């Protein structure tokens, strides 16, 4: 499959986006321009990558998110490959409001699988579309920061970034 790839810079590091006419397939933090270094590329069978400068609407929305418009990514169509259970978890992740967090247990209950916190955690870890499917908004019991593919420091910074902007007063 052919993917259009765009790299944008953010205050959280480089971001690589892989899109097609079907939507967004991957969004990950990476400063590398080499597909062999991307988590997403390692899961694709015979992918073809074409670099794009602009990145279109998806890249503009992601850049707007990093500029403080937390809702800019809400309308991005996700076309990530995954199992039906992973998609169930990922869809529920998109319902978590920016500036808030939930636990793995609460997320498991929300998808109708109470007691499946570990399975939810695994689906969360395999999410190829960071930020748009906000896996960083899931924490351990009691609010402890646990696992994040792009580092706990970045997870903590993303949560703080969203909280600061979600609670900021708007000017009329």
N, C-alpha and C. Protein backbone atom coordinates (compact mmCIF):
# COMPACT_ATOMS: atom_id res chain seq x y z
N UNK A 1 0.84 -1.18 0.00
CA UNK A 1 0.00 0.00 0.00
C UNK A 1 0.88 1.24 0.00
N UNK A 2 0.40 2.27 -0.65
CA UNK A 2 1.14 3.52 -0.71
C UNK A 2 0.63 4.46 0.38
N UNK A 3 1.57 5.07 1.09
CA UNK A 3 1.27 6.05 2.13
C UNK A 3 1.97 7.35 1.81
N UNK A 4 1.26 8.44 1.96
CA UNK A 4 1.87 9.76 1.86
C UNK A 4 2.38 10.09 3.25
N UNK A 5 3.63 10.48 3.33
CA UNK A 5 4.28 10.72 4.61
C UNK A 5 4.69 12.18 4.72
N UNK A 6 4.40 12.74 5.87
CA UNK A 6 4.77 14.11 6.18
C UNK A 6 5.42 14.13 7.55
N UNK A 7 6.41 14.94 7.70
CA UNK A 7 7.05 15.12 9.00
C UNK A 7 6.85 16.57 9.42
N UNK A 8 6.35 16.75 10.63
CA UNK A 8 6.20 18.10 11.16
C UNK A 8 6.96 18.19 12.48
N UNK A 9 7.33 19.39 12.83
CA UNK A 9 8.01 19.62 14.09
C UNK A 9 7.01 20.12 15.11
N UNK A 10 7.21 19.72 16.34
CA UNK A 10 6.37 20.19 17.44
C UNK A 10 7.26 20.42 18.65
N UNK A 11 6.72 21.04 19.66
CA UNK A 11 7.48 21.24 20.89
C UNK A 11 7.71 19.92 21.61
N UNK A 12 7.06 18.86 21.16
CA UNK A 12 7.22 17.53 21.76
C UNK A 12 8.16 16.66 20.95
N UNK A 13 8.72 17.19 19.88
CA UNK A 13 9.61 16.44 19.00
C UNK A 13 9.03 16.31 17.61
N UNK A 14 9.78 15.65 16.74
CA UNK A 14 9.32 15.43 15.38
C UNK A 14 8.14 14.48 15.36
N UNK A 15 7.23 14.72 14.41
CA UNK A 15 6.03 13.91 14.27
C UNK A 15 5.95 13.43 12.83
N UNK A 16 5.78 12.13 12.65
CA UNK A 16 5.65 11.55 11.32
C UNK A 16 4.20 11.12 11.13
N UNK A 17 3.59 11.54 10.02
CA UNK A 17 2.22 11.19 9.68
C UNK A 17 2.22 10.34 8.42
N UNK A 18 1.43 9.28 8.41
CA UNK A 18 1.26 8.45 7.20
C UNK A 18 -0.23 8.43 6.87
N UNK A 19 -0.56 8.92 5.68
CA UNK A 19 -1.96 9.01 5.26
C UNK A 19 -2.15 8.34 3.90
N UNK A 20 -3.40 8.10 3.59
CA UNK A 20 -3.79 7.65 2.26
C UNK A 20 -5.16 8.28 2.00
N UNK A 21 -5.75 7.96 0.89
CA UNK A 21 -7.09 8.49 0.61
C UNK A 21 -8.10 7.99 1.64
N UNK A 22 -7.78 6.91 2.34
CA UNK A 22 -8.66 6.35 3.36
C UNK A 22 -8.61 7.08 4.69
N UNK A 23 -7.56 7.87 4.92
CA UNK A 23 -7.43 8.59 6.17
C UNK A 23 -6.04 8.47 6.75
N UNK A 24 -5.95 8.67 8.05
CA UNK A 24 -4.68 8.63 8.78
C UNK A 24 -4.38 7.21 9.23
N UNK A 25 -3.21 6.71 8.87
CA UNK A 25 -2.80 5.36 9.24
C UNK A 25 -1.83 5.37 10.41
N UNK A 26 -1.04 6.43 10.51
CA UNK A 26 -0.05 6.47 11.59
C UNK A 26 0.28 7.91 11.93
N UNK A 27 0.50 8.13 13.21
CA UNK A 27 1.04 9.38 13.72
C UNK A 27 1.92 8.97 14.89
N UNK A 28 3.20 9.23 14.74
CA UNK A 28 4.11 8.87 15.82
C UNK A 28 5.20 9.91 15.95
N UNK A 29 5.78 9.96 17.14
CA UNK A 29 6.89 10.86 17.39
C UNK A 29 8.16 10.20 16.89
N UNK A 30 8.85 10.87 15.98
CA UNK A 30 10.11 10.36 15.45
C UNK A 30 10.83 11.51 14.78
N UNK A 31 12.11 11.62 15.04
CA UNK A 31 12.91 12.63 14.35
C UNK A 31 13.60 12.05 13.13
N UNK A 32 13.31 10.79 12.85
CA UNK A 32 13.96 10.11 11.73
C UNK A 32 13.14 10.20 10.45
N UNK A 33 13.84 10.31 9.36
CA UNK A 33 13.20 10.27 8.05
C UNK A 33 13.28 8.87 7.43
N UNK A 34 13.78 7.91 8.17
CA UNK A 34 13.95 6.55 7.67
C UNK A 34 12.78 5.67 8.11
N UNK A 35 12.03 5.12 7.15
CA UNK A 35 10.92 4.25 7.50
C UNK A 35 11.30 3.09 8.42
N UNK A 36 12.51 2.60 8.32
CA UNK A 36 12.94 1.48 9.17
C UNK A 36 12.92 1.87 10.65
N UNK A 37 12.94 3.17 10.95
CA UNK A 37 12.94 3.64 12.33
C UNK A 37 11.53 3.88 12.86
N UNK A 38 10.52 3.83 12.00
CA UNK A 38 9.16 4.11 12.43
C UNK A 38 8.49 2.85 12.93
N UNK A 39 7.78 2.93 14.05
CA UNK A 39 7.04 1.78 14.58
C UNK A 39 6.01 1.30 13.56
N UNK A 40 5.28 2.24 12.98
CA UNK A 40 4.22 1.92 12.02
C UNK A 40 4.74 1.12 10.84
N UNK A 41 5.86 1.55 10.28
CA UNK A 41 6.40 0.93 9.06
C UNK A 41 6.77 -0.53 9.30
N UNK A 42 7.15 -0.86 10.52
CA UNK A 42 7.54 -2.24 10.84
C UNK A 42 6.35 -3.20 10.82
N UNK A 43 5.13 -2.66 10.85
CA UNK A 43 3.94 -3.52 10.86
C UNK A 43 3.30 -3.64 9.49
N UNK A 44 3.81 -2.93 8.51
CA UNK A 44 3.23 -2.92 7.16
C UNK A 44 3.86 -3.99 6.28
N UNK A 45 3.04 -4.58 5.45
CA UNK A 45 3.55 -5.54 4.49
C UNK A 45 3.79 -4.82 3.16
N UNK A 46 5.02 -4.74 2.75
CA UNK A 46 5.44 -4.11 1.50
C UNK A 46 4.85 -2.69 1.32
N UNK A 47 5.11 -1.81 2.25
CA UNK A 47 4.58 -0.45 2.10
C UNK A 47 5.40 0.36 1.10
N UNK A 48 4.75 1.32 0.50
CA UNK A 48 5.42 2.30 -0.35
C UNK A 48 5.18 3.66 0.29
N UNK A 49 6.26 4.42 0.48
CA UNK A 49 6.14 5.73 1.12
C UNK A 49 6.49 6.82 0.13
N UNK A 50 5.66 7.85 0.09
CA UNK A 50 5.91 9.02 -0.75
C UNK A 50 5.89 10.25 0.14
N UNK A 51 7.01 10.93 0.21
CA UNK A 51 7.09 12.13 1.04
C UNK A 51 6.29 13.27 0.45
N UNK A 52 5.56 13.96 1.30
CA UNK A 52 4.83 15.15 0.87
C UNK A 52 5.27 16.31 1.75
N UNK A 53 5.35 17.47 1.17
CA UNK A 53 5.77 18.66 1.90
C UNK A 53 4.65 19.20 2.77
N UNK A 54 3.48 19.27 2.22
CA UNK A 54 2.37 19.94 2.87
C UNK A 54 1.63 19.05 3.86
N UNK A 55 1.34 17.83 3.48
CA UNK A 55 0.63 16.92 4.36
C UNK A 55 -0.87 17.11 4.40
N UNK A 56 -1.35 18.11 3.68
CA UNK A 56 -2.79 18.32 3.57
C UNK A 56 -3.49 18.63 4.87
N UNK A 57 -4.78 18.35 4.88
CA UNK A 57 -5.65 18.69 6.00
C UNK A 57 -5.21 18.02 7.30
N UNK A 58 -4.78 16.77 7.22
CA UNK A 58 -4.38 16.05 8.44
C UNK A 58 -3.20 16.76 9.09
N UNK A 59 -2.17 17.07 8.32
CA UNK A 59 -1.00 17.74 8.88
C UNK A 59 -1.37 19.11 9.44
N UNK A 60 -2.25 19.82 8.76
CA UNK A 60 -2.66 21.14 9.26
C UNK A 60 -3.42 21.01 10.59
N UNK A 61 -4.26 19.99 10.69
CA UNK A 61 -5.01 19.76 11.94
C UNK A 61 -4.08 19.35 13.08
N UNK A 62 -3.11 18.50 12.78
CA UNK A 62 -2.16 18.09 13.81
C UNK A 62 -1.32 19.28 14.26
N UNK A 63 -0.88 20.10 13.32
CA UNK A 63 -0.12 21.30 13.67
C UNK A 63 -0.98 22.24 14.52
N UNK A 64 -2.26 22.36 14.20
CA UNK A 64 -3.17 23.21 14.99
C UNK A 64 -3.31 22.67 16.41
N UNK A 65 -3.39 21.35 16.55
CA UNK A 65 -3.43 20.74 17.89
C UNK A 65 -2.20 21.18 18.68
N UNK A 66 -1.02 21.02 18.11
CA UNK A 66 0.20 21.38 18.83
C UNK A 66 0.29 22.89 19.06
N UNK A 67 -0.46 23.66 18.28
CA UNK A 67 -0.54 25.10 18.50
C UNK A 67 -1.54 25.47 19.58
N UNK A 68 -2.25 24.50 20.13
CA UNK A 68 -3.18 24.76 21.23
C UNK A 68 -4.64 24.53 20.93
N UNK A 69 -5.00 24.25 19.67
CA UNK A 69 -6.39 23.96 19.30
C UNK A 69 -6.62 22.46 19.48
N UNK A 70 -6.94 22.06 20.70
CA UNK A 70 -7.02 20.64 21.04
C UNK A 70 -8.08 19.89 20.25
N UNK A 71 -9.12 20.55 19.82
CA UNK A 71 -10.19 19.91 19.06
C UNK A 71 -9.90 19.75 17.59
N UNK A 72 -8.79 20.30 17.13
CA UNK A 72 -8.47 20.27 15.70
C UNK A 72 -8.34 18.85 15.15
N UNK A 73 -7.95 17.90 15.98
CA UNK A 73 -7.74 16.53 15.50
C UNK A 73 -9.00 15.68 15.56
N UNK A 74 -10.06 16.19 16.16
CA UNK A 74 -11.27 15.39 16.38
C UNK A 74 -11.92 14.88 15.08
N UNK A 75 -11.82 15.65 14.02
CA UNK A 75 -12.49 15.28 12.77
C UNK A 75 -11.61 14.46 11.83
N UNK A 76 -10.38 14.16 12.24
CA UNK A 76 -9.49 13.38 11.38
C UNK A 76 -10.01 11.96 11.26
N UNK A 77 -10.14 11.49 10.04
CA UNK A 77 -10.58 10.12 9.79
C UNK A 77 -9.40 9.17 9.99
N UNK A 78 -9.58 8.21 10.87
CA UNK A 78 -8.53 7.24 11.18
C UNK A 78 -8.75 5.98 10.34
N UNK A 79 -7.68 5.52 9.71
CA UNK A 79 -7.74 4.31 8.89
C UNK A 79 -6.70 3.30 9.35
N UNK A 80 -6.40 3.31 10.64
CA UNK A 80 -5.37 2.42 11.19
C UNK A 80 -5.83 0.97 11.18
N UNK A 81 -4.90 0.09 10.88
CA UNK A 81 -5.19 -1.34 10.90
C UNK A 81 -5.19 -1.83 12.34
N UNK A 82 -6.14 -2.71 12.65
CA UNK A 82 -6.21 -3.28 13.99
C UNK A 82 -7.32 -4.29 14.08
N UNK A 83 -7.36 -5.01 15.18
CA UNK A 83 -8.42 -6.00 15.40
C UNK A 83 -9.71 -5.29 15.79
N UNK A 84 -10.83 -5.99 15.72
CA UNK A 84 -12.10 -5.36 16.16
C UNK A 84 -12.02 -4.86 17.61
N UNK A 85 -11.37 -5.62 18.50
CA UNK A 85 -11.24 -5.17 19.89
C UNK A 85 -10.38 -3.92 19.98
N UNK A 86 -9.28 -3.87 19.24
CA UNK A 86 -8.45 -2.67 19.25
C UNK A 86 -9.24 -1.45 18.77
N UNK A 87 -10.01 -1.63 17.71
CA UNK A 87 -10.81 -0.51 17.21
C UNK A 87 -11.85 -0.07 18.23
N UNK A 88 -12.42 -1.01 18.96
CA UNK A 88 -13.36 -0.68 20.02
C UNK A 88 -12.69 0.19 21.08
N UNK A 89 -11.51 -0.20 21.49
CA UNK A 89 -10.74 0.57 22.48
C UNK A 89 -10.36 1.93 21.90
N UNK A 90 -9.85 1.95 20.68
CA UNK A 90 -9.42 3.20 20.07
C UNK A 90 -10.59 4.17 19.89
N UNK A 91 -11.75 3.65 19.53
CA UNK A 91 -12.94 4.52 19.41
C UNK A 91 -13.29 5.13 20.77
N UNK A 92 -13.18 4.34 21.82
CA UNK A 92 -13.48 4.84 23.16
C UNK A 92 -12.44 5.86 23.61
N UNK A 93 -11.20 5.65 23.24
CA UNK A 93 -10.15 6.62 23.56
C UNK A 93 -10.48 7.99 22.98
N UNK A 94 -11.05 8.02 21.80
CA UNK A 94 -11.37 9.30 21.16
C UNK A 94 -12.49 10.04 21.88
N UNK A 95 -13.19 9.36 22.78
CA UNK A 95 -14.26 10.00 23.55
C UNK A 95 -13.74 10.67 24.83
N UNK A 96 -12.49 10.41 25.18
CA UNK A 96 -11.92 11.02 26.38
C UNK A 96 -11.60 12.48 26.06
N UNK A 97 -12.20 13.37 26.81
CA UNK A 97 -12.01 14.80 26.55
C UNK A 97 -10.57 15.23 26.82
N UNK A 98 -10.08 16.12 25.99
CA UNK A 98 -8.75 16.70 26.20
C UNK A 98 -8.72 17.37 27.57
N UNK A 99 -7.63 17.20 28.25
CA UNK A 99 -7.47 17.78 29.58
C UNK A 99 -7.90 16.86 30.69
N UNK A 100 -8.41 15.67 30.34
CA UNK A 100 -8.81 14.68 31.34
C UNK A 100 -8.08 13.38 31.09
N UNK A 101 -8.09 12.53 32.09
CA UNK A 101 -7.50 11.19 31.95
C UNK A 101 -8.49 10.18 32.50
N UNK A 102 -8.26 8.93 32.14
CA UNK A 102 -9.04 7.82 32.68
C UNK A 102 -8.08 6.68 32.98
N UNK A 103 -8.55 5.68 33.68
CA UNK A 103 -7.70 4.53 34.00
C UNK A 103 -7.96 3.40 33.01
N UNK A 104 -7.05 2.45 32.98
CA UNK A 104 -7.22 1.28 32.13
C UNK A 104 -8.47 0.50 32.54
N UNK A 105 -8.71 0.40 33.84
CA UNK A 105 -9.89 -0.30 34.34
C UNK A 105 -11.18 0.38 33.91
N UNK A 106 -11.21 1.70 34.03
CA UNK A 106 -12.41 2.45 33.62
C UNK A 106 -12.62 2.33 32.12
N UNK A 107 -11.54 2.34 31.37
CA UNK A 107 -11.65 2.19 29.91
C UNK A 107 -12.17 0.79 29.56
N UNK A 108 -11.70 -0.22 30.28
CA UNK A 108 -12.19 -1.58 30.04
C UNK A 108 -13.69 -1.66 30.32
N UNK A 109 -14.13 -1.05 31.40
CA UNK A 109 -15.56 -1.04 31.72
C UNK A 109 -16.34 -0.29 30.64
N UNK A 110 -15.79 0.80 30.14
CA UNK A 110 -16.48 1.61 29.13
C UNK A 110 -16.69 0.85 27.82
N UNK A 111 -15.79 -0.10 27.51
CA UNK A 111 -15.95 -0.88 26.28
C UNK A 111 -16.70 -2.19 26.54
N UNK A 112 -17.25 -2.30 27.74
CA UNK A 112 -18.05 -3.49 28.06
C UNK A 112 -17.24 -4.70 28.44
N UNK A 113 -16.00 -4.52 28.84
CA UNK A 113 -15.13 -5.63 29.21
C UNK A 113 -14.49 -5.37 30.58
N UNK A 114 -15.32 -5.19 31.62
CA UNK A 114 -14.73 -4.97 32.95
C UNK A 114 -13.82 -6.14 33.31
N UNK A 115 -12.72 -5.84 33.91
CA UNK A 115 -11.76 -6.88 34.24
C UNK A 115 -10.74 -7.13 33.14
N UNK A 116 -10.88 -6.45 32.01
CA UNK A 116 -9.95 -6.65 30.89
C UNK A 116 -8.98 -5.48 30.75
N UNK A 117 -8.58 -4.93 31.89
CA UNK A 117 -7.69 -3.77 31.86
C UNK A 117 -6.38 -4.08 31.13
N UNK A 118 -5.87 -5.29 31.29
CA UNK A 118 -4.61 -5.65 30.61
C UNK A 118 -4.79 -5.67 29.09
N UNK A 119 -5.90 -6.24 28.64
CA UNK A 119 -6.16 -6.29 27.19
C UNK A 119 -6.35 -4.88 26.64
N UNK A 120 -7.00 -4.03 27.41
CA UNK A 120 -7.17 -2.63 27.02
C UNK A 120 -5.81 -1.95 26.97
N UNK A 121 -4.96 -2.24 27.95
CA UNK A 121 -3.62 -1.67 27.96
C UNK A 121 -2.82 -2.09 26.74
N UNK A 122 -2.97 -3.32 26.33
CA UNK A 122 -2.26 -3.82 25.13
C UNK A 122 -2.78 -3.13 23.87
N UNK A 123 -4.10 -3.00 23.76
CA UNK A 123 -4.68 -2.29 22.61
C UNK A 123 -4.19 -0.84 22.59
N UNK A 124 -4.12 -0.25 23.76
CA UNK A 124 -3.64 1.12 23.89
C UNK A 124 -2.19 1.21 23.41
N UNK A 125 -1.37 0.26 23.82
CA UNK A 125 0.05 0.26 23.46
C UNK A 125 0.27 0.07 21.96
N UNK A 126 -0.65 -0.61 21.29
CA UNK A 126 -0.52 -0.87 19.86
C UNK A 126 -1.16 0.20 18.98
N UNK A 127 -1.71 1.23 19.59
CA UNK A 127 -2.32 2.32 18.85
C UNK A 127 -1.28 2.98 17.95
N UNK A 128 -1.48 2.96 16.63
CA UNK A 128 -0.51 3.58 15.73
C UNK A 128 -0.77 5.06 15.46
N UNK A 129 -1.81 5.61 16.05
CA UNK A 129 -2.22 6.98 15.72
C UNK A 129 -2.24 7.83 16.99
N UNK A 130 -1.05 8.06 17.54
CA UNK A 130 -0.94 8.88 18.75
C UNK A 130 -1.60 10.24 18.54
N UNK A 131 -1.98 10.87 19.59
CA UNK A 131 -2.62 12.18 19.65
C UNK A 131 -4.05 12.12 19.12
N UNK A 132 -4.26 11.67 17.89
CA UNK A 132 -5.61 11.59 17.31
C UNK A 132 -6.43 10.54 18.06
N UNK A 133 -5.82 9.41 18.33
CA UNK A 133 -6.39 8.40 19.23
C UNK A 133 -5.55 8.57 20.50
N UNK A 134 -6.05 9.35 21.45
CA UNK A 134 -5.23 9.86 22.55
C UNK A 134 -4.91 8.85 23.65
N UNK A 135 -4.06 7.89 23.34
CA UNK A 135 -3.68 6.87 24.31
C UNK A 135 -2.92 7.46 25.49
N UNK A 136 -2.38 8.66 25.34
CA UNK A 136 -1.66 9.30 26.45
C UNK A 136 -2.61 9.71 27.58
N UNK A 137 -3.91 9.70 27.34
CA UNK A 137 -4.88 10.10 28.36
C UNK A 137 -5.29 8.96 29.29
N UNK A 138 -4.61 7.82 29.19
CA UNK A 138 -4.92 6.68 30.04
C UNK A 138 -3.78 6.50 31.04
N UNK A 139 -4.16 6.41 32.31
CA UNK A 139 -3.18 6.29 33.39
C UNK A 139 -3.53 5.08 34.25
N UNK A 140 -2.63 4.73 35.12
CA UNK A 140 -2.86 3.62 36.03
C UNK A 140 -3.81 4.01 37.15
N UNK A 141 -4.17 3.02 37.93
CA UNK A 141 -5.03 3.25 39.07
C UNK A 141 -4.41 4.30 39.98
N UNK A 142 -5.21 5.23 40.45
CA UNK A 142 -4.71 6.28 41.32
C UNK A 142 -4.00 7.40 40.57
N UNK A 143 -4.02 7.35 39.25
CA UNK A 143 -3.42 8.43 38.46
C UNK A 143 -1.95 8.24 38.13
N UNK A 144 -1.36 7.10 38.49
CA UNK A 144 0.05 6.87 38.20
C UNK A 144 0.29 6.81 36.70
N UNK A 145 1.35 7.48 36.26
CA UNK A 145 1.72 7.40 34.85
C UNK A 145 2.31 6.03 34.58
N UNK A 146 1.75 5.37 33.59
CA UNK A 146 2.26 4.06 33.19
C UNK A 146 2.45 4.07 31.69
N UNK A 147 3.27 3.21 31.20
CA UNK A 147 3.60 3.03 29.81
C UNK A 147 3.12 4.03 28.78
N UNK A 148 4.05 4.44 27.95
CA UNK A 148 3.74 5.24 26.78
C UNK A 148 4.87 4.98 25.79
N UNK A 149 4.52 4.58 24.59
CA UNK A 149 5.51 4.19 23.60
C UNK A 149 6.54 5.28 23.33
N UNK A 150 6.18 6.52 23.55
CA UNK A 150 7.06 7.63 23.24
C UNK A 150 7.65 8.26 24.50
N UNK A 151 7.61 7.52 25.61
CA UNK A 151 8.25 7.96 26.85
C UNK A 151 7.30 8.58 27.84
N UNK A 152 7.50 8.25 29.11
CA UNK A 152 6.63 8.79 30.17
C UNK A 152 6.78 10.30 30.32
N UNK A 153 7.96 10.82 30.07
CA UNK A 153 8.15 12.27 30.14
C UNK A 153 7.25 12.97 29.12
N UNK A 154 7.22 12.45 27.91
CA UNK A 154 6.38 13.05 26.87
C UNK A 154 4.91 12.90 27.23
N UNK A 155 4.52 11.76 27.78
CA UNK A 155 3.13 11.55 28.20
C UNK A 155 2.74 12.58 29.25
N UNK A 156 3.59 12.77 30.23
CA UNK A 156 3.33 13.75 31.29
C UNK A 156 3.20 15.16 30.71
N UNK A 157 4.08 15.51 29.79
CA UNK A 157 4.04 16.83 29.15
C UNK A 157 2.78 17.00 28.31
N UNK A 158 2.36 15.95 27.60
CA UNK A 158 1.13 16.04 26.79
C UNK A 158 -0.09 16.25 27.68
N UNK A 159 -0.18 15.52 28.79
CA UNK A 159 -1.31 15.68 29.71
C UNK A 159 -1.33 17.10 30.27
N UNK A 160 -0.16 17.61 30.68
CA UNK A 160 -0.08 18.98 31.22
C UNK A 160 -0.44 20.01 30.15
N UNK A 161 0.03 19.80 28.93
CA UNK A 161 -0.28 20.69 27.80
C UNK A 161 -1.78 20.77 27.58
N UNK A 162 -2.43 19.62 27.55
CA UNK A 162 -3.88 19.60 27.33
C UNK A 162 -4.64 20.21 28.50
N UNK A 163 -4.23 19.89 29.72
CA UNK A 163 -4.93 20.46 30.89
C UNK A 163 -4.84 21.97 30.89
N UNK A 164 -3.69 22.51 30.58
CA UNK A 164 -3.50 23.97 30.57
C UNK A 164 -4.39 24.63 29.52
N UNK A 165 -4.54 23.99 28.38
CA UNK A 165 -5.34 24.61 27.31
C UNK A 165 -6.83 24.32 27.46
N UNK A 166 -7.17 23.17 27.98
CA UNK A 166 -8.59 22.82 28.16
C UNK A 166 -9.22 23.68 29.24
N UNK A 167 -8.41 24.11 30.20
CA UNK A 167 -8.93 24.91 31.31
C UNK A 167 -8.74 26.40 31.10
N UNK A 168 -8.08 26.78 30.01
CA UNK A 168 -7.80 28.19 29.76
C UNK A 168 -9.11 28.92 29.41
N UNK A 169 -9.28 30.12 29.95
CA UNK A 169 -10.49 30.88 29.62
C UNK A 169 -10.46 31.33 28.16
N UNK A 170 -11.62 31.36 27.56
CA UNK A 170 -11.71 31.84 26.17
C UNK A 170 -12.11 33.30 26.17
N UNK A 171 -11.63 34.02 25.19
CA UNK A 171 -11.94 35.44 25.06
C UNK A 171 -13.07 35.58 24.06
N UNK A 172 -14.12 36.27 24.44
CA UNK A 172 -15.27 36.45 23.55
C UNK A 172 -15.12 37.67 22.70
